Amino acid sequence: MILQRVVSAARFASCRMLPSVCQASSYQSEPSRVEKTLNSVTLLGRVGGEPQKRGTEEHPVVIFSLATHANYKYESGEFVQRTDWHRVCVFKPHLRDTVYTFMKKGQRVYVQGRLTYGEVKDENGISRSTTAVVADDVIFFQTGDQST
């Protein structure tokens, strides 16, 4: 009897710590809690082209491409560099203006943001998935001259 109460108390305590995982009858009458999640992206790379203004007057956005790469070595000893291209969108007004004014092709930048997914239809009405990084912060490391 005492052991059963200790086990029940321990189970109830763990349910209070993890309400989304455990279900206890005392939580059924309480409103559901908002679960904390994380969607974070950090990129360091080179700008692929001049930033472009897109969107509407009410919802402007600046978009640029960013290249990052990873190096691989095969068993044969051959080194290969794989480049990934990322589409970066800037919505924050001051950051958007700074990126559009000062960012240049080839410039090395650091981007912090979050992933977002969408769908667009081409001129033939065919849907395709899109992935973009919505930038919360962009730090310029150097000018567009890659020799520095």
Protein backbone atom coordinates (compact mmCIF):
# COMPACT_ATOMS: atom_id res chain seq x y z
CA MET A 1 0.00 0.00 0.00
CA ILE A 2 2.76 2.46 0.93
CA LEU A 3 4.82 1.43 -2.12
CA GLN A 4 1.80 1.94 -4.37
CA ARG A 5 1.33 5.52 -3.09
CA VAL A 6 5.03 6.31 -3.61
CA VAL A 7 4.86 5.03 -7.20
CA SER A 8 1.66 7.00 -7.82
CA ALA A 9 3.23 10.16 -6.37
CA ALA A 10 6.34 9.71 -8.53
CA ARG A 11 4.21 9.16 -11.64
CA PHE A 12 2.15 12.26 -10.88
CA ALA A 13 5.33 14.35 -10.33
CA SER A 14 6.76 13.25 -13.67
CA CYS A 15 3.47 14.10 -15.37
CA ARG A 16 3.66 17.60 -13.98
CA MET A 17 7.12 17.95 -15.51
CA LEU A 18 6.07 16.61 -18.95
CA PRO A 19 2.38 17.42 -19.45
CA SER A 20 2.52 16.83 -23.20
CA VAL A 21 3.90 13.30 -22.76
CA CYS A 22 1.97 12.07 -19.72
CA GLN A 23 -1.74 12.22 -19.14
CA ALA A 24 -3.08 12.55 -15.63
CA SER A 25 -6.73 12.94 -14.76
CA SER A 26 -6.03 16.21 -12.93
CA TYR A 27 -4.80 17.82 -16.18
CA GLN A 28 -7.86 17.02 -18.25
CA SER A 29 -9.83 19.92 -16.79
CA GLU A 30 -6.97 22.44 -17.28
CA PRO A 31 -6.55 24.28 -20.58
CA SER A 32 -3.88 22.81 -22.82
CA ARG A 33 -0.48 24.44 -22.58
CA VAL A 34 1.45 25.81 -25.52
CA GLU A 35 4.40 23.58 -26.22
CA LYS A 36 7.74 25.30 -26.77
CA THR A 37 9.39 24.43 -30.09
CA LEU A 38 12.54 25.50 -31.88
CA ASN A 39 13.09 26.41 -35.53
CA SER A 40 16.56 27.91 -35.85
CA VAL A 41 19.01 28.16 -38.73
CA THR A 42 22.55 29.54 -38.69
CA LEU A 43 24.42 29.99 -41.97
CA LEU A 44 27.85 31.37 -42.83
CA GLY A 45 28.55 31.67 -46.52
CA ARG A 46 28.89 33.83 -49.62
CA VAL A 47 26.15 35.82 -51.30
CA GLY A 48 25.30 34.40 -54.73
CA GLY A 49 23.90 37.55 -56.34
CA GLU A 50 22.70 41.07 -55.70
CA PRO A 51 19.71 41.18 -53.32
CA GLN A 52 16.30 41.65 -54.96
CA LYS A 53 13.24 43.55 -53.77
CA ARG A 54 10.07 41.49 -53.99
CA GLY A 55 6.63 41.43 -52.45
CA THR A 56 4.13 44.26 -52.41
CA GLU A 57 4.05 47.83 -51.13
CA GLU A 58 2.29 46.60 -47.98
CA HIS A 59 4.47 43.49 -47.55
CA PRO A 60 7.94 44.14 -49.00
CA VAL A 61 10.71 41.57 -48.79
CA VAL A 62 14.35 41.41 -49.88
CA ILE A 63 15.59 38.05 -51.16
CA PHE A 64 19.14 36.84 -51.76
CA SER A 65 20.87 33.51 -52.32
CA LEU A 66 23.60 32.25 -50.03
CA ALA A 67 26.11 29.48 -50.78
CA THR A 68 27.51 27.18 -48.13
CA HIS A 69 29.64 24.14 -48.75
CA ALA A 70 30.87 20.91 -47.19
CA ASN A 71 34.07 19.06 -48.03
CA TYR A 72 34.19 15.30 -48.47
CA LYS A 73 37.09 12.91 -48.90
CA TYR A 74 36.48 9.66 -50.74
CA GLU A 75 38.34 6.45 -49.90
CA SER A 76 40.41 7.05 -53.04
CA GLY A 77 41.77 10.21 -51.42
CA GLU A 78 39.89 12.54 -53.76
CA PHE A 79 38.45 15.68 -52.13
CA VAL A 80 35.06 16.93 -53.27
CA GLN A 81 33.32 20.14 -52.29
CA ARG A 82 29.51 20.13 -52.33
CA THR A 83 27.78 23.51 -52.49
CA ASP A 84 24.29 24.09 -51.10
CA TRP A 85 22.29 27.16 -52.14
CA HIS A 86 19.91 28.75 -49.66
CA ARG A 87 17.15 31.25 -50.38
CA VAL A 88 17.14 33.94 -47.68
CA CYS A 89 14.19 36.32 -47.16
CA VAL A 90 14.42 39.50 -45.08
CA PHE A 91 11.17 41.03 -43.83
CA LYS A 92 12.32 43.20 -40.89
CA PRO A 93 12.16 46.81 -42.17
CA HIS A 94 15.54 48.15 -41.00
CA LEU A 95 17.40 44.90 -41.72
CA ARG A 96 15.71 44.63 -45.12
CA ASP A 97 16.87 48.13 -46.10
CA THR A 98 20.42 47.52 -44.85
CA VAL A 99 20.71 44.24 -46.76
CA TYR A 100 19.37 45.78 -49.97
CA THR A 101 21.65 48.83 -49.73
CA PHE A 102 24.95 47.31 -48.62
CA MET A 103 25.03 43.60 -49.56
CA LYS A 104 27.04 42.67 -52.65
CA LYS A 105 27.56 39.48 -54.63
CA GLY A 106 30.44 37.41 -53.22
CA GLN A 107 30.25 39.03 -49.80
CA ARG A 108 30.70 36.76 -46.80
CA VAL A 109 27.74 36.97 -44.40
CA TYR A 110 26.39 35.28 -41.29
CA VAL A 111 22.62 34.69 -41.18
CA GLN A 112 20.47 33.67 -38.23
CA GLY A 113 16.85 32.86 -38.86
CA ARG A 114 14.23 30.16 -39.23
CA LEU A 115 13.10 27.75 -41.94
CA THR A 116 9.82 28.29 -43.70
CA TYR A 117 8.09 26.14 -46.29
CA GLY A 118 5.60 27.08 -48.96
CA GLU A 119 4.19 26.24 -52.34
CA VAL A 120 4.13 28.23 -55.59
CA LYS A 121 2.46 27.57 -58.91
CA ASP A 122 4.37 28.10 -62.13
CA GLU A 123 2.91 29.57 -65.33
CA ASN A 124 1.52 26.12 -66.23
CA GLY A 125 -0.32 25.80 -62.91
CA ILE A 126 2.03 23.13 -61.59
CA SER A 127 2.69 23.40 -57.84
CA ARG A 128 6.17 23.09 -56.45
CA SER A 129 7.44 23.20 -52.89
CA THR A 130 9.71 25.99 -51.71
CA THR A 131 12.02 26.30 -48.74
CA ALA A 132 13.47 29.57 -47.49
CA VAL A 133 15.31 30.97 -44.50
CA VAL A 134 13.55 33.96 -42.94
CA ALA A 135 16.41 36.07 -41.57
CA ASP A 136 16.23 37.53 -38.09
CA ASP A 137 19.80 38.83 -38.26
CA VAL A 138 22.39 39.30 -41.01
CA ILE A 139 26.00 40.16 -40.17
CA PHE A 140 28.34 41.37 -42.91
CA PHE A 141 31.87 39.98 -42.57
CA GLN A 142 33.59 41.75 -45.44
CA THR A 143 32.99 43.46 -48.74
CA GLY A 144 32.19 41.61 -51.95
CA ASP A 145 35.91 41.33 -52.83
CA GLN A 146 36.72 37.64 -52.24
CA SER A 147 40.47 38.22 -52.20
CA THR A 148 40.38 39.69 -48.69
